[in-house]
N, C-alpha and C. Protein backbone atom coordinates (compact mmCIF):
# COMPACT_ATOMS: atom_id res chain seq x y z
N MET A 1 0.80 -1.17 0.00
CA MET A 1 0.00 0.00 0.00
C MET A 1 0.85 1.24 0.00
N ILE A 2 0.25 2.30 -0.40
CA ILE A 2 0.89 3.61 -0.32
C ILE A 2 0.03 4.45 0.61
N ILE A 3 0.68 5.09 1.57
CA ILE A 3 -0.02 5.96 2.51
C ILE A 3 0.67 7.31 2.56
N GLU A 4 -0.02 8.30 3.07
CA GLU A 4 0.56 9.63 3.23
C GLU A 4 1.05 9.78 4.66
N ARG A 5 2.27 10.24 4.82
CA ARG A 5 2.85 10.55 6.13
C ARG A 5 3.32 12.00 6.05
N GLY A 6 2.47 12.92 6.47
CA GLY A 6 2.79 14.34 6.32
C GLY A 6 2.82 14.69 4.85
N ALA A 7 3.94 15.25 4.39
CA ALA A 7 4.06 15.63 2.98
C ALA A 7 4.64 14.51 2.14
N ALA A 8 5.03 13.40 2.78
CA ALA A 8 5.67 12.30 2.06
C ALA A 8 4.72 11.13 1.84
N ARG A 9 5.04 10.29 0.86
CA ARG A 9 4.33 9.05 0.61
C ARG A 9 5.20 7.90 1.09
N GLU A 10 4.57 6.87 1.60
CA GLU A 10 5.30 5.73 2.13
C GLU A 10 4.70 4.44 1.60
N LEU A 11 5.57 3.52 1.20
CA LEU A 11 5.13 2.20 0.77
C LEU A 11 5.21 1.28 1.99
N ALA A 12 4.12 0.58 2.29
CA ALA A 12 4.07 -0.25 3.50
C ALA A 12 3.30 -1.53 3.22
N LEU A 13 3.58 -2.56 4.01
CA LEU A 13 2.83 -3.81 3.94
C LEU A 13 1.84 -3.85 5.10
N PHE A 14 0.58 -4.07 4.79
CA PHE A 14 -0.47 -4.16 5.81
C PHE A 14 -1.16 -5.50 5.69
N GLN A 15 -1.77 -5.93 6.76
CA GLN A 15 -2.61 -7.13 6.74
C GLN A 15 -3.94 -6.76 6.09
N TRP A 16 -4.43 -7.62 5.21
CA TRP A 16 -5.72 -7.36 4.58
C TRP A 16 -6.82 -7.78 5.54
N GLY A 17 -7.77 -6.93 5.75
CA GLY A 17 -8.87 -7.14 6.68
C GLY A 17 -8.78 -6.11 7.78
N LEU A 18 -9.36 -4.92 7.57
CA LEU A 18 -9.24 -3.81 8.50
C LEU A 18 -9.79 -4.16 9.88
N ILE A 19 -8.94 -4.02 10.88
CA ILE A 19 -9.33 -4.22 12.27
C ILE A 19 -9.39 -2.84 12.91
N PRO A 20 -10.58 -2.36 13.27
CA PRO A 20 -10.67 -1.03 13.89
C PRO A 20 -9.85 -0.98 15.19
N SER A 21 -9.21 0.15 15.45
CA SER A 21 -8.35 0.30 16.63
C SER A 21 -9.10 0.04 17.93
N TRP A 22 -10.40 0.29 17.95
CA TRP A 22 -11.19 0.14 19.17
C TRP A 22 -11.75 -1.29 19.35
N SER A 23 -11.55 -2.14 18.37
CA SER A 23 -12.10 -3.50 18.42
C SER A 23 -11.48 -4.30 19.58
N LYS A 24 -12.30 -5.10 20.24
CA LYS A 24 -11.80 -5.92 21.34
C LYS A 24 -10.99 -7.11 20.84
N GLU A 25 -11.33 -7.61 19.64
CA GLU A 25 -10.64 -8.76 19.07
C GLU A 25 -10.11 -8.41 17.68
N PRO A 26 -9.05 -9.07 17.26
CA PRO A 26 -8.46 -8.77 15.95
C PRO A 26 -9.20 -9.43 14.78
N LYS A 27 -10.47 -9.07 14.61
CA LYS A 27 -11.27 -9.57 13.49
C LYS A 27 -11.46 -8.42 12.51
N GLY A 28 -11.16 -8.70 11.24
CA GLY A 28 -11.16 -7.63 10.26
C GLY A 28 -12.26 -7.70 9.22
N PHE A 29 -12.39 -6.59 8.49
CA PHE A 29 -13.33 -6.42 7.37
C PHE A 29 -12.49 -6.30 6.11
N ILE A 30 -12.67 -7.21 5.13
CA ILE A 30 -11.86 -7.14 3.92
C ILE A 30 -12.32 -6.04 2.96
N ASN A 31 -13.61 -5.72 3.01
CA ASN A 31 -14.18 -4.69 2.14
C ASN A 31 -14.99 -3.70 2.97
N ALA A 32 -15.09 -2.48 2.45
CA ALA A 32 -15.90 -1.43 3.07
C ALA A 32 -16.76 -0.81 1.97
N ARG A 33 -18.06 -0.78 2.17
CA ARG A 33 -18.96 -0.25 1.15
C ARG A 33 -18.87 1.29 1.09
N ALA A 34 -18.66 1.82 -0.10
CA ALA A 34 -18.52 3.27 -0.29
C ALA A 34 -19.74 4.03 0.23
N GLU A 35 -20.92 3.44 0.06
CA GLU A 35 -22.16 4.13 0.43
C GLU A 35 -22.32 4.33 1.93
N THR A 36 -21.64 3.53 2.75
CA THR A 36 -21.84 3.60 4.21
C THR A 36 -20.56 3.92 4.98
N LEU A 37 -19.50 4.31 4.30
CA LEU A 37 -18.22 4.59 4.97
C LEU A 37 -18.34 5.62 6.09
N GLU A 38 -19.04 6.70 5.82
CA GLU A 38 -19.13 7.79 6.79
C GLU A 38 -19.96 7.42 8.02
N GLU A 39 -20.94 6.55 7.86
CA GLU A 39 -21.83 6.24 8.98
C GLU A 39 -21.39 5.04 9.81
N LYS A 40 -20.51 4.18 9.28
CA LYS A 40 -20.06 2.99 10.00
C LYS A 40 -18.87 3.36 10.90
N SER A 41 -19.01 3.10 12.19
CA SER A 41 -17.93 3.44 13.12
C SER A 41 -16.64 2.67 12.81
N SER A 42 -16.76 1.52 12.18
CA SER A 42 -15.57 0.74 11.83
C SER A 42 -14.71 1.43 10.77
N PHE A 43 -15.31 2.34 9.98
CA PHE A 43 -14.61 2.92 8.85
C PHE A 43 -14.53 4.45 8.84
N SER A 44 -15.41 5.15 9.54
CA SER A 44 -15.51 6.61 9.39
C SER A 44 -14.23 7.35 9.74
N GLU A 45 -13.57 6.99 10.82
CA GLU A 45 -12.34 7.69 11.19
C GLU A 45 -11.22 7.39 10.19
N SER A 46 -11.15 6.15 9.74
CA SER A 46 -10.13 5.80 8.74
C SER A 46 -10.37 6.57 7.45
N LEU A 47 -11.62 6.74 7.06
CA LEU A 47 -11.92 7.52 5.86
C LEU A 47 -11.42 8.95 6.02
N GLN A 48 -11.60 9.52 7.18
CA GLN A 48 -11.16 10.90 7.42
C GLN A 48 -9.65 11.04 7.52
N ARG A 49 -8.98 10.05 8.15
CA ARG A 49 -7.58 10.24 8.51
C ARG A 49 -6.58 9.22 7.96
N ARG A 50 -7.07 8.06 7.53
CA ARG A 50 -6.13 6.99 7.16
C ARG A 50 -6.55 6.32 5.85
N ARG A 51 -6.31 7.02 4.76
CA ARG A 51 -6.61 6.47 3.43
C ARG A 51 -5.32 5.93 2.80
N CYS A 52 -5.47 4.93 1.96
CA CYS A 52 -4.30 4.35 1.30
C CYS A 52 -4.66 3.92 -0.12
N LEU A 53 -3.62 3.63 -0.88
CA LEU A 53 -3.76 3.06 -2.22
C LEU A 53 -3.30 1.62 -2.13
N ILE A 54 -4.10 0.71 -2.59
CA ILE A 54 -3.75 -0.71 -2.60
C ILE A 54 -3.43 -1.06 -4.05
N LEU A 55 -2.16 -1.37 -4.29
CA LEU A 55 -1.67 -1.57 -5.65
C LEU A 55 -2.01 -2.97 -6.16
N ALA A 56 -2.36 -3.05 -7.45
CA ALA A 56 -2.74 -4.34 -8.05
C ALA A 56 -2.50 -4.29 -9.55
N ASP A 57 -2.52 -5.46 -10.16
CA ASP A 57 -2.50 -5.51 -11.62
C ASP A 57 -3.72 -6.27 -12.14
N GLY A 58 -4.61 -6.68 -11.22
CA GLY A 58 -5.84 -7.35 -11.59
C GLY A 58 -6.54 -7.87 -10.35
N PHE A 59 -7.74 -8.37 -10.54
CA PHE A 59 -8.49 -8.96 -9.43
C PHE A 59 -9.48 -9.98 -9.97
N PHE A 60 -9.95 -10.84 -9.08
CA PHE A 60 -10.89 -11.90 -9.44
C PHE A 60 -12.28 -11.60 -8.90
N GLU A 61 -13.28 -12.03 -9.64
CA GLU A 61 -14.67 -12.08 -9.17
C GLU A 61 -15.24 -13.39 -9.71
N TRP A 62 -16.23 -13.89 -9.02
CA TRP A 62 -16.81 -15.18 -9.38
C TRP A 62 -18.27 -15.00 -9.80
N ALA A 63 -18.63 -15.64 -10.90
CA ALA A 63 -20.01 -15.64 -11.39
C ALA A 63 -20.64 -16.98 -11.00
N ARG A 64 -21.80 -16.91 -10.38
CA ARG A 64 -22.50 -18.14 -10.01
C ARG A 64 -23.13 -18.73 -11.27
N ARG A 65 -22.86 -19.99 -11.48
CA ARG A 65 -23.40 -20.73 -12.63
C ARG A 65 -23.99 -22.02 -12.08
N GLY A 66 -25.26 -22.00 -11.70
CA GLY A 66 -25.88 -23.17 -11.09
C GLY A 66 -25.26 -23.42 -9.73
N ARG A 67 -24.73 -24.62 -9.54
CA ARG A 67 -24.11 -24.97 -8.25
C ARG A 67 -22.65 -24.54 -8.15
N SER A 68 -22.06 -24.18 -9.27
CA SER A 68 -20.65 -23.82 -9.24
C SER A 68 -20.46 -22.33 -9.48
N LYS A 69 -19.22 -21.89 -9.29
CA LYS A 69 -18.86 -20.50 -9.55
C LYS A 69 -17.70 -20.48 -10.53
N GLN A 70 -17.80 -19.64 -11.54
CA GLN A 70 -16.74 -19.48 -12.53
C GLN A 70 -15.94 -18.23 -12.19
N PRO A 71 -14.61 -18.36 -11.94
CA PRO A 71 -13.80 -17.18 -11.68
C PRO A 71 -13.46 -16.41 -12.96
N TYR A 72 -13.43 -15.09 -12.83
CA TYR A 72 -13.03 -14.19 -13.91
C TYR A 72 -11.90 -13.32 -13.40
N PHE A 73 -11.00 -12.97 -14.30
CA PHE A 73 -9.90 -12.07 -13.97
C PHE A 73 -10.20 -10.73 -14.65
N PHE A 74 -10.09 -9.65 -13.89
CA PHE A 74 -10.33 -8.30 -14.39
C PHE A 74 -9.03 -7.52 -14.32
N GLN A 75 -8.76 -6.73 -15.35
CA GLN A 75 -7.57 -5.89 -15.36
C GLN A 75 -7.78 -4.73 -16.33
N MET A 76 -6.82 -3.82 -16.37
CA MET A 76 -6.87 -2.72 -17.32
C MET A 76 -6.67 -3.29 -18.73
N LYS A 77 -7.24 -2.65 -19.73
CA LYS A 77 -7.09 -3.13 -21.11
C LYS A 77 -5.62 -3.25 -21.51
N ASP A 78 -4.79 -2.30 -21.05
CA ASP A 78 -3.37 -2.35 -21.41
C ASP A 78 -2.54 -3.17 -20.40
N GLU A 79 -3.22 -3.82 -19.46
CA GLU A 79 -2.61 -4.68 -18.44
C GLU A 79 -1.68 -3.93 -17.48
N SER A 80 -1.84 -2.62 -17.40
CA SER A 80 -1.00 -1.82 -16.50
C SER A 80 -1.48 -1.95 -15.05
N PRO A 81 -0.58 -1.70 -14.10
CA PRO A 81 -0.98 -1.73 -12.70
C PRO A 81 -1.91 -0.55 -12.38
N PHE A 82 -2.64 -0.67 -11.29
CA PHE A 82 -3.58 0.38 -10.87
C PHE A 82 -3.68 0.37 -9.36
N ALA A 83 -4.52 1.24 -8.83
CA ALA A 83 -4.67 1.33 -7.37
C ALA A 83 -6.14 1.27 -6.97
N PHE A 84 -6.41 0.47 -5.93
CA PHE A 84 -7.72 0.45 -5.30
C PHE A 84 -7.73 1.53 -4.23
N ALA A 85 -8.90 2.13 -3.99
CA ALA A 85 -9.07 3.04 -2.85
C ALA A 85 -9.15 2.17 -1.60
N GLY A 86 -8.36 2.51 -0.60
CA GLY A 86 -8.37 1.74 0.63
C GLY A 86 -8.35 2.62 1.86
N ILE A 87 -8.65 2.01 2.98
CA ILE A 87 -8.53 2.66 4.29
C ILE A 87 -7.75 1.72 5.20
N TRP A 88 -7.12 2.27 6.24
CA TRP A 88 -6.32 1.44 7.12
C TRP A 88 -6.49 1.88 8.58
N ASP A 89 -6.04 1.03 9.48
CA ASP A 89 -6.09 1.32 10.91
C ASP A 89 -5.02 0.49 11.60
N LYS A 90 -4.71 0.86 12.83
CA LYS A 90 -3.72 0.13 13.62
C LYS A 90 -4.38 -0.34 14.91
N TRP A 91 -4.35 -1.64 15.13
CA TRP A 91 -4.95 -2.27 16.31
C TRP A 91 -3.83 -2.71 17.24
N GLU A 92 -3.96 -2.37 18.51
CA GLU A 92 -2.93 -2.75 19.48
C GLU A 92 -3.57 -3.25 20.77
N ARG A 93 -3.09 -4.41 21.24
CA ARG A 93 -3.51 -4.99 22.51
C ARG A 93 -2.32 -5.71 23.09
N ASP A 94 -2.03 -5.46 24.35
CA ASP A 94 -0.90 -6.09 25.02
C ASP A 94 0.36 -5.92 24.17
N ASP A 95 0.98 -7.00 23.75
CA ASP A 95 2.20 -6.93 22.95
C ASP A 95 1.94 -7.12 21.46
N VAL A 96 0.68 -7.08 21.06
CA VAL A 96 0.33 -7.33 19.66
C VAL A 96 -0.06 -6.02 18.98
N SER A 97 0.51 -5.80 17.80
CA SER A 97 0.19 -4.62 16.99
C SER A 97 -0.05 -5.08 15.56
N ILE A 98 -1.23 -4.75 15.02
CA ILE A 98 -1.58 -5.15 13.65
C ILE A 98 -2.03 -3.92 12.88
N THR A 99 -1.33 -3.61 11.80
CA THR A 99 -1.76 -2.55 10.90
C THR A 99 -2.46 -3.24 9.73
N SER A 100 -3.71 -2.86 9.50
CA SER A 100 -4.54 -3.58 8.53
C SER A 100 -5.29 -2.62 7.62
N CYS A 101 -5.82 -3.16 6.54
CA CYS A 101 -6.51 -2.32 5.57
C CYS A 101 -7.71 -3.03 4.97
N ALA A 102 -8.56 -2.26 4.31
CA ALA A 102 -9.72 -2.79 3.58
C ALA A 102 -9.83 -2.06 2.25
N ILE A 103 -10.31 -2.77 1.26
CA ILE A 103 -10.60 -2.19 -0.05
C ILE A 103 -12.01 -1.63 -0.02
N ILE A 104 -12.19 -0.46 -0.59
CA ILE A 104 -13.52 0.14 -0.67
C ILE A 104 -14.21 -0.37 -1.93
N THR A 105 -15.47 -0.76 -1.79
CA THR A 105 -16.23 -1.26 -2.93
C THR A 105 -17.37 -0.31 -3.27
N THR A 106 -17.83 -0.41 -4.51
CA THR A 106 -18.94 0.41 -4.99
C THR A 106 -19.81 -0.45 -5.91
N THR A 107 -20.79 0.18 -6.51
CA THR A 107 -21.65 -0.54 -7.46
C THR A 107 -20.81 -0.92 -8.69
N PRO A 108 -21.18 -1.96 -9.41
CA PRO A 108 -20.35 -2.42 -10.53
C PRO A 108 -20.52 -1.56 -11.78
N ASN A 109 -19.47 -1.53 -12.59
CA ASN A 109 -19.60 -0.93 -13.91
C ASN A 109 -20.24 -1.95 -14.85
N GLU A 110 -20.42 -1.60 -16.10
CA GLU A 110 -21.11 -2.48 -17.05
C GLU A 110 -20.35 -3.78 -17.30
N LEU A 111 -19.03 -3.78 -17.16
CA LEU A 111 -18.23 -4.98 -17.38
C LEU A 111 -18.40 -5.99 -16.24
N LEU A 112 -18.54 -5.49 -15.02
CA LEU A 112 -18.68 -6.36 -13.85
C LEU A 112 -20.12 -6.72 -13.51
N ALA A 113 -21.07 -5.92 -13.94
CA ALA A 113 -22.47 -6.07 -13.51
C ALA A 113 -23.05 -7.45 -13.78
N THR A 114 -22.63 -8.10 -14.84
CA THR A 114 -23.17 -9.43 -15.14
C THR A 114 -22.49 -10.53 -14.32
N ILE A 115 -21.42 -10.18 -13.62
CA ILE A 115 -20.66 -11.15 -12.83
C ILE A 115 -20.93 -10.98 -11.33
N HIS A 116 -20.97 -9.73 -10.86
CA HIS A 116 -21.05 -9.48 -9.42
C HIS A 116 -21.78 -8.16 -9.18
N ASP A 117 -22.38 -8.01 -8.00
CA ASP A 117 -23.13 -6.79 -7.70
C ASP A 117 -22.29 -5.70 -7.04
N ARG A 118 -20.98 -5.93 -6.87
CA ARG A 118 -20.06 -4.94 -6.29
C ARG A 118 -18.76 -4.98 -7.09
N MET A 119 -17.97 -3.95 -6.95
CA MET A 119 -16.62 -3.95 -7.51
C MET A 119 -15.73 -3.07 -6.63
N PRO A 120 -14.43 -3.32 -6.64
CA PRO A 120 -13.54 -2.44 -5.89
C PRO A 120 -13.47 -1.07 -6.54
N VAL A 121 -13.30 -0.04 -5.72
CA VAL A 121 -13.10 1.30 -6.27
C VAL A 121 -11.68 1.37 -6.80
N ILE A 122 -11.56 1.63 -8.10
CA ILE A 122 -10.27 1.78 -8.77
C ILE A 122 -10.06 3.26 -9.00
N LEU A 123 -8.92 3.76 -8.57
CA LEU A 123 -8.62 5.18 -8.72
C LEU A 123 -7.68 5.38 -9.90
N GLY A 124 -8.00 6.36 -10.73
CA GLY A 124 -7.12 6.72 -11.83
C GLY A 124 -5.96 7.56 -11.32
N ALA A 125 -5.02 7.85 -12.18
CA ALA A 125 -3.84 8.64 -11.78
C ALA A 125 -4.26 10.00 -11.21
N ASP A 126 -5.29 10.59 -11.79
CA ASP A 126 -5.74 11.91 -11.32
C ASP A 126 -6.38 11.86 -9.93
N THR A 127 -7.08 10.79 -9.63
CA THR A 127 -7.76 10.71 -8.33
C THR A 127 -6.90 10.08 -7.23
N SER A 128 -5.88 9.32 -7.59
CA SER A 128 -5.02 8.69 -6.58
C SER A 128 -4.37 9.72 -5.68
N GLU A 129 -3.84 10.75 -6.27
CA GLU A 129 -3.19 11.81 -5.50
C GLU A 129 -4.17 12.50 -4.57
N ARG A 130 -5.34 12.83 -5.09
CA ARG A 130 -6.36 13.49 -4.26
C ARG A 130 -6.86 12.57 -3.15
N TRP A 131 -6.95 11.26 -3.40
CA TRP A 131 -7.41 10.31 -2.40
C TRP A 131 -6.49 10.33 -1.17
N LEU A 132 -5.20 10.41 -1.40
CA LEU A 132 -4.24 10.40 -0.30
C LEU A 132 -4.11 11.75 0.40
N CYS A 133 -4.45 12.82 -0.27
CA CYS A 133 -4.27 14.17 0.27
C CYS A 133 -5.11 14.39 1.54
N SER A 134 -4.45 14.77 2.60
CA SER A 134 -5.17 14.99 3.88
C SER A 134 -6.12 16.17 3.81
N ASP A 135 -5.97 17.03 2.81
CA ASP A 135 -6.86 18.19 2.65
C ASP A 135 -8.18 17.84 1.94
N SER A 136 -8.29 16.65 1.39
CA SER A 136 -9.51 16.26 0.67
C SER A 136 -10.67 16.12 1.65
N GLY A 137 -11.75 16.85 1.38
CA GLY A 137 -12.92 16.82 2.27
C GLY A 137 -13.88 15.70 1.93
N PRO A 138 -14.88 15.47 2.79
CA PRO A 138 -15.84 14.37 2.60
C PRO A 138 -16.53 14.39 1.24
N ALA A 139 -16.96 15.55 0.78
CA ALA A 139 -17.67 15.62 -0.51
C ALA A 139 -16.75 15.22 -1.65
N GLU A 140 -15.51 15.70 -1.62
CA GLU A 140 -14.54 15.37 -2.67
C GLU A 140 -14.20 13.88 -2.65
N LEU A 141 -14.05 13.32 -1.46
CA LEU A 141 -13.75 11.90 -1.34
C LEU A 141 -14.88 11.05 -1.90
N LYS A 142 -16.10 11.43 -1.56
CA LYS A 142 -17.27 10.67 -2.02
C LYS A 142 -17.37 10.66 -3.55
N GLU A 143 -16.99 11.76 -4.19
CA GLU A 143 -17.02 11.86 -5.65
C GLU A 143 -16.08 10.85 -6.31
N MET A 144 -15.04 10.43 -5.58
CA MET A 144 -14.06 9.49 -6.14
C MET A 144 -14.52 8.03 -6.05
N LEU A 145 -15.52 7.77 -5.22
CA LEU A 145 -15.92 6.39 -4.92
C LEU A 145 -16.99 5.89 -5.89
N VAL A 146 -16.66 5.91 -7.15
CA VAL A 146 -17.58 5.53 -8.22
C VAL A 146 -16.98 4.39 -9.04
N PRO A 147 -17.79 3.69 -9.82
CA PRO A 147 -17.26 2.62 -10.66
C PRO A 147 -16.25 3.14 -11.69
N PHE A 148 -15.17 2.44 -11.86
CA PHE A 148 -14.18 2.76 -12.89
C PHE A 148 -14.81 2.40 -14.23
N PRO A 149 -14.55 3.18 -15.29
CA PRO A 149 -15.17 2.88 -16.59
C PRO A 149 -14.84 1.48 -17.10
N GLY A 150 -15.86 0.71 -17.38
CA GLY A 150 -15.68 -0.64 -17.92
C GLY A 150 -15.01 -0.64 -19.27
N SER A 151 -15.15 0.44 -20.02
CA SER A 151 -14.54 0.53 -21.35
C SER A 151 -13.01 0.55 -21.28
N GLU A 152 -12.45 0.81 -20.11
CA GLU A 152 -10.99 0.86 -19.94
C GLU A 152 -10.45 -0.43 -19.32
N MET A 153 -11.34 -1.43 -19.16
CA MET A 153 -10.95 -2.69 -18.53
C MET A 153 -11.26 -3.86 -19.46
N LYS A 154 -10.75 -5.02 -19.08
CA LYS A 154 -11.10 -6.25 -19.78
C LYS A 154 -11.28 -7.35 -18.74
N ARG A 155 -11.97 -8.42 -19.16
CA ARG A 155 -12.19 -9.57 -18.27
C ARG A 155 -12.11 -10.84 -19.10
N PHE A 156 -11.81 -11.93 -18.42
CA PHE A 156 -11.85 -13.23 -19.08
C PHE A 156 -11.96 -14.31 -18.02
N PRO A 157 -12.58 -15.44 -18.37
CA PRO A 157 -12.69 -16.54 -17.42
C PRO A 157 -11.33 -17.20 -17.23
N VAL A 158 -11.07 -17.66 -16.01
CA VAL A 158 -9.82 -18.34 -15.69
C VAL A 158 -10.13 -19.67 -15.01
N SER A 159 -9.11 -20.45 -14.81
CA SER A 159 -9.27 -21.77 -14.20
C SER A 159 -9.82 -21.68 -12.78
N SER A 160 -10.62 -22.64 -12.40
CA SER A 160 -11.14 -22.69 -11.03
C SER A 160 -10.04 -23.03 -10.02
N GLN A 161 -8.83 -23.27 -10.49
CA GLN A 161 -7.70 -23.49 -9.58
C GLN A 161 -7.42 -22.27 -8.72
N VAL A 162 -7.91 -21.08 -9.14
CA VAL A 162 -7.72 -19.88 -8.31
C VAL A 162 -8.51 -19.98 -7.00
N ASN A 163 -9.44 -20.90 -6.94
CA ASN A 163 -10.26 -21.07 -5.73
C ASN A 163 -9.50 -21.69 -4.57
N HIS A 164 -8.30 -22.15 -4.79
CA HIS A 164 -7.52 -22.83 -3.75
C HIS A 164 -6.31 -21.97 -3.36
N PRO A 165 -6.24 -21.50 -2.12
CA PRO A 165 -5.15 -20.62 -1.70
C PRO A 165 -3.75 -21.21 -1.89
N ARG A 166 -3.64 -22.51 -1.87
CA ARG A 166 -2.31 -23.12 -2.04
C ARG A 166 -1.79 -22.97 -3.47
N ASN A 167 -2.67 -22.68 -4.42
CA ASN A 167 -2.25 -22.47 -5.81
C ASN A 167 -1.81 -21.02 -5.99
N ASP A 168 -0.57 -20.83 -6.42
CA ASP A 168 -0.03 -19.49 -6.60
C ASP A 168 0.94 -19.51 -7.78
N GLU A 169 0.38 -19.59 -8.98
CA GLU A 169 1.18 -19.69 -10.19
C GLU A 169 0.70 -18.70 -11.23
N ALA A 170 1.60 -18.29 -12.10
CA ALA A 170 1.28 -17.31 -13.15
C ALA A 170 0.15 -17.79 -14.06
N GLN A 171 0.04 -19.10 -14.26
CA GLN A 171 -0.98 -19.65 -15.16
C GLN A 171 -2.41 -19.37 -14.65
N LEU A 172 -2.56 -19.04 -13.39
CA LEU A 172 -3.89 -18.81 -12.84
C LEU A 172 -4.58 -17.60 -13.45
N VAL A 173 -3.82 -16.68 -14.03
CA VAL A 173 -4.42 -15.50 -14.65
C VAL A 173 -4.43 -15.58 -16.16
N GLU A 174 -4.28 -16.78 -16.70
CA GLU A 174 -4.38 -16.97 -18.15
C GLU A 174 -5.82 -17.34 -18.49
N PRO A 175 -6.33 -16.79 -19.61
CA PRO A 175 -7.70 -17.13 -20.02
C PRO A 175 -7.83 -18.62 -20.29
N ILE A 176 -8.98 -19.18 -19.93
CA ILE A 176 -9.22 -20.57 -20.30
C ILE A 176 -9.71 -20.59 -21.74
N THR A 177 -9.53 -21.72 -22.42
CA THR A 177 -9.88 -21.82 -23.83
C THR A 177 -11.38 -22.02 -24.00
N VAL A 178 -11.84 -21.80 -25.21
CA VAL A 178 -13.26 -21.96 -25.52
C VAL A 178 -13.72 -23.37 -25.20
N SER A 179 -12.91 -24.38 -25.52
CA SER A 179 -13.32 -25.76 -25.24
C SER A 179 -13.49 -25.97 -23.73
N GLN A 180 -12.63 -25.34 -22.90
CA GLN A 180 -12.80 -25.44 -21.45
C GLN A 180 -14.08 -24.75 -21.01
N GLU A 181 -14.39 -23.61 -21.65
CA GLU A 181 -15.62 -22.88 -21.30
C GLU A 181 -16.84 -23.73 -21.61
N VAL A 182 -16.83 -24.39 -22.75
CA VAL A 182 -17.95 -25.24 -23.14
C VAL A 182 -18.13 -26.38 -22.14
N THR A 183 -16.99 -26.97 -21.73
CA THR A 183 -17.10 -28.10 -20.78
C THR A 183 -17.66 -27.65 -19.45
N THR A 184 -17.37 -26.44 -19.06
CA THR A 184 -17.88 -25.97 -17.77
C THR A 184 -19.23 -25.26 -17.92
N GLY A 185 -19.77 -25.26 -19.13
CA GLY A 185 -21.08 -24.64 -19.34
C GLY A 185 -21.02 -23.14 -19.57
N MET A 186 -19.84 -22.60 -19.88
CA MET A 186 -19.68 -21.16 -20.05
C MET A 186 -19.58 -20.84 -21.55
N LEU A 187 -20.52 -20.11 -22.05
CA LEU A 187 -20.46 -19.66 -23.45
C LEU A 187 -20.64 -18.16 -23.47
N PHE A 188 -19.93 -17.51 -24.37
CA PHE A 188 -20.05 -16.05 -24.48
C PHE A 188 -20.66 -15.69 -25.80
């Protein structure tokens, strides 16, 4: 992640799953809905004071197809890296300290709408800087929490091997072939 520390930017590793500083137990939220950020005590202070950019080059969503789910990989059309809007917090109890974050989600764009009812907020180069700026007010922040244009993204079905955390190989983000789609009941 990238966070703002005064006038400087800092690259840091955080645990995914925001644990509010006031929480009694270290249980986190992996996503935070853009529509309720200001009203949820778990997220409102982080929105005001602790925003971050979560760097990625793609993400997965699953489409329900009967009893099974077909994973899809989403990325920019030019396959360039991008940033999700995120918030973070630091939880401390006894000798344990956990700095954690959550991705902010919004309604889906036209590319994601047929797959899932939410999508992560993706910030463009112009909004990334403003997202981190401590001077950005609530109204300006809310304006950034919109679906990224689907016309600037692409998607394709991938192997269901992504469903297993022990699998971590480059082939997991390769499109499956038409014959594989037919066998799994997926036709476009």
